[in-house]
Amino acid sequence: MEILILKKSCVNCYYYGKICGFGRGKLCALLFKQGDPQKFATREATWLDILPDFLIMIFPMVGGIISLILNFNILPLILLIVLGVLYLMGNALIRGSITCKHCKQRELGCPANKLFEKGKEKKT
C-alpha cells in the first residue's frame, strides 16, 4: 500500500525529495522519478482511496484476536487495546495536530485535506 501511495501521490508532492511529516518524500525520491506537482492538487480523493491506510491495522488485530481465542492471555489483550488506542487516537493526533496542520502541500492543495474539510463542513 505504501508503494502505491508513493507512486501515485508522493511523486507529485511538494515534499518530493524533502523531509515530510510521514518520511515519504525522501523515500519516494530514491524509488521513483519526480512527477508533476500540479497533478497533486487536482487529484480527487475519496474515502475509498484512504481506506487501505486505515485497514493496515486489521492484520495485527485479527492475529491478536485469534491468539486470544486459541490461548487467552492478558498480555495480548493489553497489547491489542494499546494498538487500537495508539492507532486511532495517535493517527488523529499526528495528522490533525502536527503534520497536516503545518504542511506546505496542504496550503498548495491537498486532496485528503479537501476530503476531511468536506466532512467538517457538513457537521457545522
PDB file of N, CA and C in Angstrom:
ATOM      1  N   MET A   1       0.822  -1.193   0.000  1.00  0.00           N
ATOM      2  CA  MET A   1       0.000   0.000   0.000  1.00  0.00           C
ATOM      3  C   MET A   1       0.869   1.261   0.000  1.00  0.00           C
ATOM      4  N   GLU A   2       1.958   1.208   0.735  1.00  0.00           N
ATOM      5  CA  GLU A   2       2.850   2.371   0.782  1.00  0.00           C
ATOM      6  C   GLU A   2       3.455   2.662  -0.591  1.00  0.00           C
ATOM      7  N   ILE A   3       3.783   1.620  -1.322  1.00  0.00           N
ATOM      8  CA  ILE A   3       4.363   1.819  -2.660  1.00  0.00           C
ATOM      9  C   ILE A   3       3.354   2.500  -3.575  1.00  0.00           C
ATOM     10  N   LEU A   4       2.086   2.116  -3.471  1.00  0.00           N
ATOM     11  CA  LEU A   4       1.052   2.772  -4.280  1.00  0.00           C
ATOM     12  C   LEU A   4       0.928   4.253  -3.913  1.00  0.00           C
ATOM     13  N   ILE A   5       0.994   4.552  -2.628  1.00  0.00           N
ATOM     14  CA  ILE A   5       0.922   5.956  -2.197  1.00  0.00           C
ATOM     15  C   ILE A   5       2.113   6.735  -2.745  1.00  0.00           C
ATOM     16  N   LEU A   6       3.297   6.132  -2.636  1.00  0.00           N
ATOM     17  CA  LEU A   6       4.498   6.800  -3.151  1.00  0.00           C
ATOM     18  C   LEU A   6       4.390   7.046  -4.644  1.00  0.00           C
ATOM     19  N   LYS A   7       3.946   6.022  -5.359  1.00  0.00           N
ATOM     20  CA  LYS A   7       3.911   6.081  -6.830  1.00  0.00           C
ATOM     21  C   LYS A   7       2.815   7.004  -7.367  1.00  0.00           C
ATOM     22  N   LYS A   8       1.662   7.037  -6.691  1.00  0.00           N
ATOM     23  CA  LYS A   8       0.537   7.821  -7.209  1.00  0.00           C
ATOM     24  C   LYS A   8       0.436   9.226  -6.625  1.00  0.00           C
ATOM     25  N   SER A   9       0.932   9.424  -5.422  1.00  0.00           N
ATOM     26  CA  SER A   9       0.784  10.738  -4.782  1.00  0.00           C
ATOM     27  C   SER A   9       2.108  11.433  -4.525  1.00  0.00           C
ATOM     28  N   CYS A  10       3.010  10.738  -3.859  1.00  0.00           N
ATOM     29  CA  CYS A  10       4.242  11.383  -3.394  1.00  0.00           C
ATOM     30  C   CYS A  10       5.135  11.891  -4.523  1.00  0.00           C
ATOM     31  N   VAL A  11       5.070  11.265  -5.684  1.00  0.00           N
ATOM     32  CA  VAL A  11       5.906  11.731  -6.797  1.00  0.00           C
ATOM     33  C   VAL A  11       5.506  13.132  -7.242  1.00  0.00           C
ATOM     34  N   ASN A  12       4.269  13.520  -6.979  1.00  0.00           N
ATOM     35  CA  ASN A  12       3.764  14.833  -7.379  1.00  0.00           C
ATOM     36  C   ASN A  12       3.721  15.839  -6.229  1.00  0.00           C
ATOM     37  N   CYS A  13       4.141  15.433  -5.052  1.00  0.00           N
ATOM     38  CA  CYS A  13       4.014  16.262  -3.856  1.00  0.00           C
ATOM     39  C   CYS A  13       5.112  17.317  -3.761  1.00  0.00           C
ATOM     40  N   TYR A  14       4.795  18.392  -3.073  1.00  0.00           N
ATOM     41  CA  TYR A  14       5.762  19.459  -2.783  1.00  0.00           C
ATOM     42  C   TYR A  14       6.980  18.891  -2.057  1.00  0.00           C
ATOM     43  N   TYR A  15       6.777  17.897  -1.221  1.00  0.00           N
ATOM     44  CA  TYR A  15       7.850  17.334  -0.406  1.00  0.00           C
ATOM     45  C   TYR A  15       8.649  16.233  -1.106  1.00  0.00           C
ATOM     46  N   TYR A  16       8.473  16.048  -2.394  1.00  0.00           N
ATOM     47  CA  TYR A  16       9.263  15.058  -3.125  1.00  0.00           C
ATOM     48  C   TYR A  16      10.746  15.387  -2.939  1.00  0.00           C
ATOM     49  N   GLY A  17      11.504  14.434  -2.434  1.00  0.00           N
ATOM     50  CA  GLY A  17      12.931  14.633  -2.204  1.00  0.00           C
ATOM     51  C   GLY A  17      13.259  15.391  -0.928  1.00  0.00           C
ATOM     52  N   LYS A  18      12.224  15.812  -0.200  1.00  0.00           N
ATOM     53  CA  LYS A  18      12.420  16.564   1.045  1.00  0.00           C
ATOM     54  C   LYS A  18      11.883  15.736   2.214  1.00  0.00           C
ATOM     55  N   ILE A  19      12.182  16.175   3.398  1.00  0.00           N
ATOM     56  CA  ILE A  19      11.663  15.508   4.591  1.00  0.00           C
ATOM     57  C   ILE A  19      10.236  15.997   4.827  1.00  0.00           C
ATOM     58  N   CYS A  20       9.306  15.059   4.831  1.00  0.00           N
ATOM     59  CA  CYS A  20       7.911  15.402   5.113  1.00  0.00           C
ATOM     60  C   CYS A  20       7.513  14.786   6.459  1.00  0.00           C
ATOM     61  N   GLY A  21       6.324  15.085   6.906  1.00  0.00           N
ATOM     62  CA  GLY A  21       5.841  14.602   8.191  1.00  0.00           C
ATOM     63  C   GLY A  21       5.711  13.095   8.276  1.00  0.00           C
ATOM     64  N   PHE A  22       5.646  12.425   7.150  1.00  0.00           N
ATOM     65  CA  PHE A  22       5.475  10.979   7.141  1.00  0.00           C
ATOM     66  C   PHE A  22       6.721  10.237   6.669  1.00  0.00           C
ATOM     67  N   GLY A  23       7.767  10.985   6.302  1.00  0.00           N
ATOM     68  CA  GLY A  23       9.013  10.363   5.863  1.00  0.00           C
ATOM     69  C   GLY A  23       8.978   9.791   4.468  1.00  0.00           C
ATOM     70  N   ARG A  24       7.974  10.140   3.712  1.00  0.00           N
ATOM     71  CA  ARG A  24       7.808   9.551   2.382  1.00  0.00           C
ATOM     72  C   ARG A  24       8.502  10.341   1.278  1.00  0.00           C
ATOM     73  N   GLY A  25       8.746  11.619   1.477  1.00  0.00           N
ATOM     74  CA  GLY A  25       9.329  12.468   0.434  1.00  0.00           C
ATOM     75  C   GLY A  25      10.706  12.004   0.001  1.00  0.00           C
ATOM     76  N   LYS A  26      11.581  11.770   0.948  1.00  0.00           N
ATOM     77  CA  LYS A  26      12.945  11.301   0.656  1.00  0.00           C
ATOM     78  C   LYS A  26      12.909   9.891   0.078  1.00  0.00           C
ATOM     79  N   LEU A  27      12.096   9.022   0.670  1.00  0.00           N
ATOM     80  CA  LEU A  27      11.991   7.639   0.196  1.00  0.00           C
ATOM     81  C   LEU A  27      11.486   7.597  -1.239  1.00  0.00           C
ATOM     82  N   CYS A  28      10.493   8.400  -1.544  1.00  0.00           N
ATOM     83  CA  CYS A  28       9.935   8.446  -2.893  1.00  0.00           C
ATOM     84  C   CYS A  28      10.995   8.849  -3.914  1.00  0.00           C
ATOM     85  N   ALA A  29      11.825   9.815  -3.554  1.00  0.00           N
ATOM     86  CA  ALA A  29      12.876  10.276  -4.469  1.00  0.00           C
ATOM     87  C   ALA A  29      13.896   9.174  -4.756  1.00  0.00           C
ATOM     88  N   LEU A  30      14.082   8.268  -3.819  1.00  0.00           N
ATOM     89  CA  LEU A  30      15.007   7.145  -4.032  1.00  0.00           C
ATOM     90  C   LEU A  30      14.427   6.094  -4.978  1.00  0.00           C
ATOM     91  N   LEU A  31      13.101   5.978  -5.001  1.00  0.00           N
ATOM     92  CA  LEU A  31      12.449   4.903  -5.751  1.00  0.00           C
ATOM     93  C   LEU A  31      11.845   5.323  -7.089  1.00  0.00           C
ATOM     94  N   PHE A  32      11.371   6.568  -7.195  1.00  0.00           N
ATOM     95  CA  PHE A  32      10.635   6.994  -8.385  1.00  0.00           C
ATOM     96  C   PHE A  32      11.111   8.354  -8.878  1.00  0.00           C
ATOM     97  N   LYS A  33      10.886   8.608 -10.170  1.00  0.00           N
ATOM     98  CA  LYS A  33      11.171   9.927 -10.743  1.00  0.00           C
ATOM     99  C   LYS A  33      10.093  10.907 -10.310  1.00  0.00           C
ATOM    100  N   GLN A  34      10.481  12.176 -10.241  1.00  0.00           N
ATOM    101  CA  GLN A  34       9.532  13.203  -9.848  1.00  0.00           C
ATOM    102  C   GLN A  34       8.454  13.362 -10.905  1.00  0.00           C
ATOM    103  N   GLY A  35       7.231  13.562 -10.424  1.00  0.00           N
ATOM    104  CA  GLY A  35       6.102  13.775 -11.317  1.00  0.00           C
ATOM    105  C   GLY A  35       5.806  15.253 -11.469  1.00  0.00           C
ATOM    106  N   ASP A  36       4.542  15.557 -11.722  1.00  0.00           N
ATOM    107  CA  ASP A  36       4.092  16.932 -11.933  1.00  0.00           C
ATOM    108  C   ASP A  36       3.391  17.441 -10.674  1.00  0.00           C
ATOM    109  N   PRO A  37       3.960  18.436  -9.988  1.00  0.00           N
ATOM    110  CA  PRO A  37       3.342  18.951  -8.762  1.00  0.00           C
ATOM    111  C   PRO A  37       1.916  19.485  -8.964  1.00  0.00           C
ATOM    112  N   GLN A  38       1.589  19.922 -10.173  1.00  0.00           N
ATOM    113  CA  GLN A  38       0.238  20.417 -10.438  1.00  0.00           C
ATOM    114  C   GLN A  38      -0.810  19.303 -10.343  1.00  0.00           C
ATOM    115  N   LYS A  39      -0.395  18.074 -10.618  1.00  0.00           N
ATOM    116  CA  LYS A  39      -1.320  16.941 -10.564  1.00  0.00           C
ATOM    117  C   LYS A  39      -1.764  16.629  -9.137  1.00  0.00           C
ATOM    118  N   PHE A  40      -0.907  16.905  -8.166  1.00  0.00           N
ATOM    119  CA  PHE A  40      -1.231  16.580  -6.780  1.00  0.00           C
ATOM    120  C   PHE A  40      -2.481  17.328  -6.323  1.00  0.00           C
ATOM    121  N   ALA A  41      -2.515  18.609  -6.577  1.00  0.00           N
ATOM    122  CA  ALA A  41      -3.617  19.443  -6.107  1.00  0.00           C
ATOM    123  C   ALA A  41      -4.920  19.172  -6.848  1.00  0.00           C
ATOM    124  N   THR A  42      -4.841  18.712  -8.096  1.00  0.00           N
ATOM    125  CA  THR A  42      -6.050  18.495  -8.878  1.00  0.00           C
ATOM    126  C   THR A  42      -6.654  17.109  -8.667  1.00  0.00           C
ATOM    127  N   ARG A  43      -5.905  16.221  -8.040  1.00  0.00           N
ATOM    128  CA  ARG A  43      -6.400  14.862  -7.791  1.00  0.00           C
ATOM    129  C   ARG A  43      -7.564  14.895  -6.798  1.00  0.00           C
ATOM    130  N   GLU A  44      -8.549  14.068  -7.027  1.00  0.00           N
ATOM    131  CA  GLU A  44      -9.720  13.982  -6.149  1.00  0.00           C
ATOM    132  C   GLU A  44      -9.585  12.746  -5.260  1.00  0.00           C
ATOM    133  N   ALA A  45      -9.701  12.916  -3.953  1.00  0.00           N
ATOM    134  CA  ALA A  45      -9.606  11.795  -3.017  1.00  0.00           C
ATOM    135  C   ALA A  45     -10.994  11.440  -2.494  1.00  0.00           C
ATOM    136  N   THR A  46     -11.205  10.152  -2.298  1.00  0.00           N
ATOM    137  CA  THR A  46     -12.452   9.668  -1.702  1.00  0.00           C
ATOM    138  C   THR A  46     -12.096   8.822  -0.483  1.00  0.00           C
ATOM    139  N   TRP A  47     -13.100   8.483   0.296  1.00  0.00           N
ATOM    140  CA  TRP A  47     -12.859   7.625   1.461  1.00  0.00           C
ATOM    141  C   TRP A  47     -12.342   6.259   1.020  1.00  0.00           C
ATOM    142  N   LEU A  48     -12.704   5.824  -0.158  1.00  0.00           N
ATOM    143  CA  LEU A  48     -12.227   4.538  -0.681  1.00  0.00           C
ATOM    144  C   LEU A  48     -10.713   4.587  -0.915  1.00  0.00           C
ATOM    145  N   ASP A  49     -10.186   5.746  -1.315  1.00  0.00           N
ATOM    146  CA  ASP A  49      -8.747   5.898  -1.503  1.00  0.00           C
ATOM    147  C   ASP A  49      -7.988   5.814  -0.174  1.00  0.00           C
ATOM    148  N   ILE A  50      -8.609   6.286   0.874  1.00  0.00           N
ATOM    149  CA  ILE A  50      -7.960   6.338   2.179  1.00  0.00           C
ATOM    150  C   ILE A  50      -8.171   5.043   2.968  1.00  0.00           C
ATOM    151  N   LEU A  51      -9.160   4.269   2.606  1.00  0.00           N
ATOM    152  CA  LEU A  51      -9.497   3.036   3.321  1.00  0.00           C
ATOM    153  C   LEU A  51      -8.310   2.088   3.540  1.00  0.00           C
ATOM    154  N   PRO A  52      -7.481   1.806   2.530  1.00  0.00           N
ATOM    155  CA  PRO A  52      -6.353   0.890   2.780  1.00  0.00           C
ATOM    156  C   PRO A  52      -5.416   1.366   3.885  1.00  0.00           C
ATOM    157  N   ASP A  53      -5.247   2.665   4.010  1.00  0.00           N
ATOM    158  CA  ASP A  53      -4.401   3.207   5.066  1.00  0.00           C
ATOM    159  C   ASP A  53      -4.962   2.856   6.442  1.00  0.00           C
ATOM    160  N   PHE A  54      -6.281   2.881   6.578  1.00  0.00           N
ATOM    161  CA  PHE A  54      -6.916   2.560   7.845  1.00  0.00           C
ATOM    162  C   PHE A  54      -6.993   1.050   8.092  1.00  0.00           C
ATOM    163  N   LEU A  55      -7.025   0.281   7.019  1.00  0.00           N
ATOM    164  CA  LEU A  55      -7.130  -1.174   7.163  1.00  0.00           C
ATOM    165  C   LEU A  55      -5.807  -1.846   7.520  1.00  0.00           C
ATOM    166  N   ILE A  56      -4.718  -1.088   7.528  1.00  0.00           N
ATOM    167  CA  ILE A  56      -3.397  -1.632   7.836  1.00  0.00           C
ATOM    168  C   ILE A  56      -3.393  -2.341   9.188  1.00  0.00           C
ATOM    169  N   MET A  57      -4.153  -1.856  10.130  1.00  0.00           N
ATOM    170  CA  MET A  57      -4.115  -2.461  11.460  1.00  0.00           C
ATOM    171  C   MET A  57      -4.981  -3.714  11.567  1.00  0.00           C
ATOM    172  N   ILE A  58      -5.717  -4.060  10.532  1.00  0.00           N
ATOM    173  CA  ILE A  58      -6.585  -5.240  10.571  1.00  0.00           C
ATOM    174  C   ILE A  58      -5.782  -6.518  10.807  1.00  0.00           C
ATOM    175  N   PHE A  59      -4.653  -6.683  10.122  1.00  0.00           N
ATOM    176  CA  PHE A  59      -3.883  -7.923  10.234  1.00  0.00           C
ATOM    177  C   PHE A  59      -3.380  -8.182  11.660  1.00  0.00           C
ATOM    178  N   PRO A  60      -2.740  -7.204  12.311  1.00  0.00           N
ATOM    179  CA  PRO A  60      -2.325  -7.476  13.691  1.00  0.00           C
ATOM    180  C   PRO A  60      -3.514  -7.665  14.638  1.00  0.00           C
ATOM    181  N   MET A  61      -4.608  -6.950  14.400  1.00  0.00           N
ATOM    182  CA  MET A  61      -5.782  -7.104  15.264  1.00  0.00           C
ATOM    183  C   MET A  61      -6.388  -8.497  15.118  1.00  0.00           C
ATOM    184  N   VAL A  62      -6.537  -8.960  13.884  1.00  0.00           N
ATOM    185  CA  VAL A  62      -7.092 -10.298  13.647  1.00  0.00           C
ATOM    186  C   VAL A  62      -6.162 -11.351  14.245  1.00  0.00           C
ATOM    187  N   GLY A  63      -4.862 -11.194  14.037  1.00  0.00           N
ATOM    188  CA  GLY A  63      -3.895 -12.130  14.620  1.00  0.00           C
ATOM    189  C   GLY A  63      -3.971 -12.149  16.136  1.00  0.00           C
ATOM    190  N   GLY A  64      -4.102 -10.997  16.733  1.00  0.00           N
ATOM    191  CA  GLY A  64      -4.218 -10.911  18.189  1.00  0.00           C
ATOM    192  C   GLY A  64      -5.493 -11.536  18.707  1.00  0.00           C
ATOM    193  N   ILE A  65      -6.588 -11.324  18.009  1.00  0.00           N
ATOM    194  CA  ILE A  65      -7.871 -11.913  18.411  1.00  0.00           C
ATOM    195  C   ILE A  65      -7.815 -13.432  18.293  1.00  0.00           C
ATOM    196  N   ILE A  66      -7.232 -13.935  17.214  1.00  0.00           N
ATOM    197  CA  ILE A  66      -7.073 -15.390  17.055  1.00  0.00           C
ATOM    198  C   ILE A  66      -6.203 -15.949  18.182  1.00  0.00           C
ATOM    199  N   SER A  67      -5.140 -15.238  18.508  1.00  0.00           N
ATOM    200  CA  SER A  67      -4.263 -15.654  19.608  1.00  0.00           C
ATOM    201  C   SER A  67      -5.024 -15.706  20.928  1.00  0.00           C
ATOM    202  N   LEU A  68      -5.879 -14.736  21.154  1.00  0.00           N
ATOM    203  CA  LEU A  68      -6.687 -14.714  22.383  1.00  0.00           C
ATOM    204  C   LEU A  68      -7.673 -15.877  22.432  1.00  0.00           C
ATOM    205  N   ILE A  69      -8.269 -16.195  21.297  1.00  0.00           N
ATOM    206  CA  ILE A  69      -9.236 -17.292  21.245  1.00  0.00           C
ATOM    207  C   ILE A  69      -8.542 -18.632  21.488  1.00  0.00           C
ATOM    208  N   LEU A  70      -7.395 -18.842  20.866  1.00  0.00           N
ATOM    209  CA  LEU A  70      -6.681 -20.113  20.993  1.00  0.00           C
ATOM    210  C   LEU A  70      -6.044 -20.305  22.362  1.00  0.00           C
ATOM    211  N   ASN A  71      -5.511 -19.241  22.918  1.00  0.00           N
ATOM    212  CA  ASN A  71      -4.809 -19.346  24.193  1.00  0.00           C
ATOM    213  C   ASN A  71      -4.896 -17.997  24.895  1.00  0.00           C
ATOM    214  N   PHE A  72      -5.951 -17.801  25.685  1.00  0.00           N
ATOM    215  CA  PHE A  72      -6.155 -16.498  26.319  1.00  0.00           C
ATOM    216  C   PHE A  72      -5.018 -16.173  27.263  1.00  0.00           C
ATOM    217  N   ASN A  73      -4.540 -14.939  27.121  1.00  0.00           N
ATOM    218  CA  ASN A  73      -3.501 -14.418  27.984  1.00  0.00           C
ATOM    219  C   ASN A  73      -3.747 -12.924  28.088  1.00  0.00           C
ATOM    220  N   ILE A  74      -3.507 -12.360  29.218  1.00  0.00           N
ATOM    221  CA  ILE A  74      -3.791 -10.938  29.438  1.00  0.00           C
ATOM    222  C   ILE A  74      -2.870 -10.023  28.623  1.00  0.00           C
ATOM    223  N   LEU A  75      -1.626 -10.441  28.384  1.00  0.00           N
ATOM    224  CA  LEU A  75      -0.673  -9.601  27.653  1.00  0.00           C
ATOM    225  C   LEU A  75      -1.136  -9.291  26.222  1.00  0.00           C
ATOM    226  N   PRO A  76      -1.542 -10.310  25.419  1.00  0.00           N
ATOM    227  CA  PRO A  76      -2.045  -9.963  24.073  1.00  0.00           C
ATOM    228  C   PRO A  76      -3.287  -9.067  24.114  1.00  0.00           C
ATOM    229  N   LEU A  77      -4.139  -9.251  25.113  1.00  0.00           N
ATOM    230  CA  LEU A  77      -5.324  -8.404  25.247  1.00  0.00           C
ATOM    231  C   LEU A  77      -4.918  -6.957  25.500  1.00  0.00           C
ATOM    232  N   ILE A  78      -3.980  -6.754  26.400  1.00  0.00           N
ATOM    233  CA  ILE A  78      -3.493  -5.406  26.688  1.00  0.00           C
ATOM    234  C   ILE A  78      -2.836  -4.797  25.447  1.00  0.00           C
ATOM    235  N   LEU A  79      -2.032  -5.598  24.744  1.00  0.00           N
ATOM    236  CA  LEU A  79      -1.369  -5.110  23.538  1.00  0.00           C
ATOM    237  C   LEU A  79      -2.370  -4.741  22.443  1.00  0.00           C
ATOM    238  N   LEU A  80      -3.447  -5.522  22.313  1.00  0.00           N
ATOM    239  CA  LEU A  80      -4.493  -5.198  21.334  1.00  0.00           C
ATOM    240  C   LEU A  80      -5.177  -3.872  21.673  1.00  0.00           C
ATOM    241  N   ILE A  81      -5.448  -3.673  22.933  1.00  0.00           N
ATOM    242  CA  ILE A  81      -6.081  -2.421  23.357  1.00  0.00           C
ATOM    243  C   ILE A  81      -5.141  -1.240  23.105  1.00  0.00           C
ATOM    244  N   VAL A  82      -3.875  -1.403  23.462  1.00  0.00           N
ATOM    245  CA  VAL A  82      -2.889  -0.346  23.239  1.00  0.00           C
ATOM    246  C   VAL A  82      -2.758  -0.056  21.736  1.00  0.00           C
ATOM    247  N   LEU A  83      -2.702  -1.104  20.916  1.00  0.00           N
ATOM    248  CA  LEU A  83      -2.616  -0.933  19.462  1.00  0.00           C
ATOM    249  C   LEU A  83      -3.811  -0.142  18.934  1.00  0.00           C
ATOM    250  N   GLY A  84      -4.999  -0.509  19.359  1.00  0.00           N
ATOM    251  CA  GLY A  84      -6.202   0.191  18.908  1.00  0.00           C
ATOM    252  C   GLY A  84      -6.212   1.651  19.311  1.00  0.00           C
ATOM    253  N   VAL A  85      -5.866   1.917  20.560  1.00  0.00           N
ATOM    254  CA  VAL A  85      -5.850   3.299  21.051  1.00  0.00           C
ATOM    255  C   VAL A  85      -4.780   4.116  20.331  1.00  0.00           C
ATOM    256  N   LEU A  86      -3.567   3.567  20.229  1.00  0.00           N
ATOM    257  CA  LEU A  86      -2.491   4.285  19.556  1.00  0.00           C
ATOM    258  C   LEU A  86      -2.817   4.546  18.095  1.00  0.00           C
ATOM    259  N   TYR A  87      -3.369   3.547  17.421  1.00  0.00           N
ATOM    260  CA  TYR A  87      -3.649   3.714  16.004  1.00  0.00           C
ATOM    261  C   TYR A  87      -4.745   4.750  15.779  1.00  0.00           C
ATOM    262  N   LEU A  88      -5.848   4.601  16.467  1.00  0.00           N
ATOM    263  CA  LEU A  88      -6.975   5.503  16.223  1.00  0.00           C
ATOM    264  C   LEU A  88      -6.724   6.905  16.766  1.00  0.00           C
ATOM    265  N   MET A  89      -6.344   7.007  18.010  1.00  0.00           N
ATOM    266  CA  MET A  89      -6.146   8.330  18.606  1.00  0.00           C
ATOM    267  C   MET A  89      -4.813   8.933  18.162  1.00  0.00           C
ATOM    268  N   GLY A  90      -3.782   8.111  18.071  1.00  0.00           N
ATOM    269  CA  GLY A  90      -2.473   8.597  17.649  1.00  0.00           C
ATOM    270  C   GLY A  90      -2.490   9.115  16.229  1.00  0.00           C
ATOM    271  N   ASN A  91      -3.172   8.390  15.347  1.00  0.00           N
ATOM    272  CA  ASN A  91      -3.281   8.792  13.952  1.00  0.00           C
ATOM    273  C   ASN A  91      -3.988  10.142  13.842  1.00  0.00           C
ATOM    274  N   ALA A  92      -5.082  10.290  14.569  1.00  0.00           N
ATOM    275  CA  ALA A  92      -5.820  11.563  14.529  1.00  0.00           C
ATOM    276  C   ALA A  92      -4.976  12.701  15.090  1.00  0.00           C
ATOM    277  N   LEU A  93      -4.253  12.443  16.167  1.00  0.00           N
ATOM    278  CA  LEU A  93      -3.416  13.474  16.778  1.00  0.00           C
ATOM    279  C   LEU A  93      -2.282  13.887  15.851  1.00  0.00           C
ATOM    280  N   ILE A  94      -1.566  12.894  15.316  1.00  0.00           N
ATOM    281  CA  ILE A  94      -0.426  13.181  14.450  1.00  0.00           C
ATOM    282  C   ILE A  94      -0.864  13.937  13.200  1.00  0.00           C
ATOM    283  N   ARG A  95      -1.875  13.420  12.526  1.00  0.00           N
ATOM    284  CA  ARG A  95      -2.319  14.046  11.277  1.00  0.00           C
ATOM    285  C   ARG A  95      -3.008  15.385  11.529  1.00  0.00           C
ATOM    286  N   GLY A  96      -3.884  15.436  12.503  1.00  0.00           N
ATOM    287  CA  GLY A  96      -4.673  16.647  12.727  1.00  0.00           C
ATOM    288  C   GLY A  96      -3.936  17.778  13.401  1.00  0.00           C
ATOM    289  N   SER A  97      -3.078  17.444  14.340  1.00  0.00           N
ATOM    290  CA  SER A  97      -2.442  18.497  15.132  1.00  0.00           C
ATOM    291  C   SER A  97      -1.002  18.805  14.743  1.00  0.00           C
ATOM    292  N   ILE A  98      -0.346  17.879  14.078  1.00  0.00           N
ATOM    293  CA  ILE A  98       1.073  18.096  13.824  1.00  0.00           C
ATOM    294  C   ILE A  98       1.376  18.170  12.328  1.00  0.00           C
ATOM    295  N   THR A  99       1.307  17.047  11.643  1.00  0.00           N
ATOM    296  CA  THR A  99       1.788  17.022  10.259  1.00  0.00           C
ATOM    297  C   THR A  99       0.929  17.846   9.306  1.00  0.00           C
ATOM    298  N   CYS A 100      -0.339  17.558   9.231  1.00  0.00           N
ATOM    299  CA  CYS A 100      -1.183  18.246   8.250  1.00  0.00           C
ATOM    300  C   CYS A 100      -1.346  19.736   8.572  1.00  0.00           C
ATOM    301  N   LYS A 101      -1.362  20.059   9.835  1.00  0.00           N
ATOM    302  CA  LYS A 101      -1.523  21.450  10.248  1.00  0.00           C
ATOM    303  C   LYS A 101      -0.382  22.336   9.743  1.00  0.00           C
ATOM    304  N   HIS A 102       0.818  21.782   9.636  1.00  0.00           N
ATOM    305  CA  HIS A 102       1.992  22.556   9.229  1.00  0.00           C
ATOM    306  C   HIS A 102       2.490  22.186   7.828  1.00  0.00           C
ATOM    307  N   CYS A 103       1.666  21.535   7.043  1.00  0.00           N
ATOM    308  CA  CYS A 103       2.086  21.019   5.736  1.00  0.00           C
ATOM    309  C   CYS A 103       1.988  22.088   4.638  1.00  0.00           C
ATOM    310  N   LYS A 104       3.071  22.261   3.909  1.00  0.00           N
ATOM    311  CA  LYS A 104       3.100  23.213   2.791  1.00  0.00           C
ATOM    312  C   LYS A 104       2.193  22.729   1.652  1.00  0.00           C
ATOM    313  N   GLN A 105       2.143  21.416   1.419  1.00  0.00           N
ATOM    314  CA  GLN A 105       1.307  20.877   0.346  1.00  0.00           C
ATOM    315  C   GLN A 105      -0.174  21.131   0.636  1.00  0.00           C
ATOM    316  N   ARG A 106      -0.568  21.110   1.898  1.00  0.00           N
ATOM    317  CA  ARG A 106      -1.961  21.406   2.261  1.00  0.00           C
ATOM    318  C   ARG A 106      -2.318  22.815   1.805  1.00  0.00           C
ATOM    319  N   GLU A 107      -1.380  23.736   1.979  1.00  0.00           N
ATOM    320  CA  GLU A 107      -1.614  25.122   1.553  1.00  0.00           C
ATOM    321  C   GLU A 107      -1.709  25.237   0.033  1.00  0.00           C
ATOM    322  N   LEU A 108      -0.950  24.412  -0.680  1.00  0.00           N
ATOM    323  CA  LEU A 108      -0.949  24.442  -2.143  1.00  0.00           C
ATOM    324  C   LEU A 108      -2.139  23.704  -2.740  1.00  0.00           C
ATOM    325  N   GLY A 109      -2.689  22.775  -1.985  1.00  0.00           N
ATOM    326  CA  GLY A 109      -3.817  21.975  -2.435  1.00  0.00           C
ATOM    327  C   GLY A 109      -3.577  20.510  -2.171  1.00  0.00           C
ATOM    328  N   CYS A 110      -4.381  19.937  -1.309  1.00  0.00           N
ATOM    329  CA  CYS A 110      -4.239  18.532  -0.937  1.00  0.00           C
ATOM    330  C   CYS A 110      -5.597  17.848  -1.018  1.00  0.00           C
ATOM    331  N   PRO A 111      -5.704  16.774  -1.803  1.00  0.00           N
ATOM    332  CA  PRO A 111      -6.981  16.074  -1.933  1.00  0.00           C
ATOM    333  C   PRO A 111      -7.486  15.510  -0.607  1.00  0.00           C
ATOM    334  N   ALA A 112      -6.596  14.989   0.233  1.00  0.00           N
ATOM    335  CA  ALA A 112      -7.018  14.433   1.526  1.00  0.00           C
ATOM    336  C   ALA A 112      -7.557  15.538   2.428  1.00  0.00           C
ATOM    337  N   ASN A 113      -6.909  16.686   2.429  1.00  0.00           N
ATOM    338  CA  ASN A 113      -7.374  17.800   3.241  1.00  0.00           C
ATOM    339  C   ASN A 113      -8.759  18.256   2.773  1.00  0.00           C
ATOM    340  N   LYS A 114      -8.954  18.312   1.467  1.00  0.00           N
ATOM    341  CA  LYS A 114     -10.269  18.688   0.927  1.00  0.00           C
ATOM    342  C   LYS A 114     -11.332  17.703   1.390  1.00  0.00           C
ATOM    343  N   LEU A 115     -10.992  16.412   1.392  1.00  0.00           N
ATOM    344  CA  LEU A 115     -11.930  15.379   1.817  1.00  0.00           C
ATOM    345  C   LEU A 115     -12.292  15.544   3.287  1.00  0.00           C
ATOM    346  N   PHE A 116     -11.298  15.759   4.139  1.00  0.00           N
ATOM    347  CA  PHE A 116     -11.561  15.909   5.559  1.00  0.00           C
ATOM    348  C   PHE A 116     -12.287  17.217   5.868  1.00  0.00           C
ATOM    349  N   GLU A 117     -11.984  18.267   5.159  1.00  0.00           N
ATOM    350  CA  GLU A 117     -12.666  19.552   5.357  1.00  0.00           C
ATOM    351  C   GLU A 117     -14.130  19.459   4.942  1.00  0.00           C
ATOM    352  N   LYS A 118     -14.410  18.668   3.899  1.00  0.00           N
ATOM    353  CA  LYS A 118     -15.776  18.456   3.450  1.00  0.00           C
ATOM    354  C   LYS A 118     -16.601  17.845   4.576  1.00  0.00           C
ATOM    355  N   GLY A 119     -16.009  16.904   5.295  1.00  0.00           N
ATOM    356  CA  GLY A 119     -16.691  16.251   6.414  1.00  0.00           C
ATOM    357  C   GLY A 119     -16.973  17.219   7.546  1.00  0.00           C
ATOM    358  N   LYS A 120     -16.074  18.175   7.780  1.00  0.00           N
ATOM    359  CA  LYS A 120     -16.250  19.163   8.843  1.00  0.00           C
ATOM    360  C   LYS A 120     -17.336  20.152   8.486  1.00  0.00           C
ATOM    361  N   GLU A 121     -17.447  20.512   7.199  1.00  0.00           N
ATOM    362  CA  GLU A 121     -18.461  21.480   6.763  1.00  0.00           C
ATOM    363  C   GLU A 121     -19.864  20.958   6.996  1.00  0.00           C
ATOM    364  N   LYS A 122     -20.070  19.668   6.795  1.00  0.00           N
ATOM    365  CA  LYS A 122     -21.397  19.088   6.964  1.00  0.00           C
ATOM    366  C   LYS A 122     -21.831  19.082   8.424  1.00  0.00           C
ATOM    367  N   LYS A 123     -20.859  18.979   9.350  1.00  0.00           N
ATOM    368  CA  LYS A 123     -21.170  18.920  10.767  1.00  0.00           C
ATOM    369  C   LYS A 123     -21.568  20.275  11.344  1.00  0.00           C
ATOM    370  N   THR A 124     -21.103  21.351  10.737  1.00  0.00           N
ATOM    371  CA  THR A 124     -21.406  22.679  11.267  1.00  0.00           C
ATOM    372  C   THR A 124     -22.695  23.228  10.724  1.00  0.00           C
TER     373      THR A 124
END
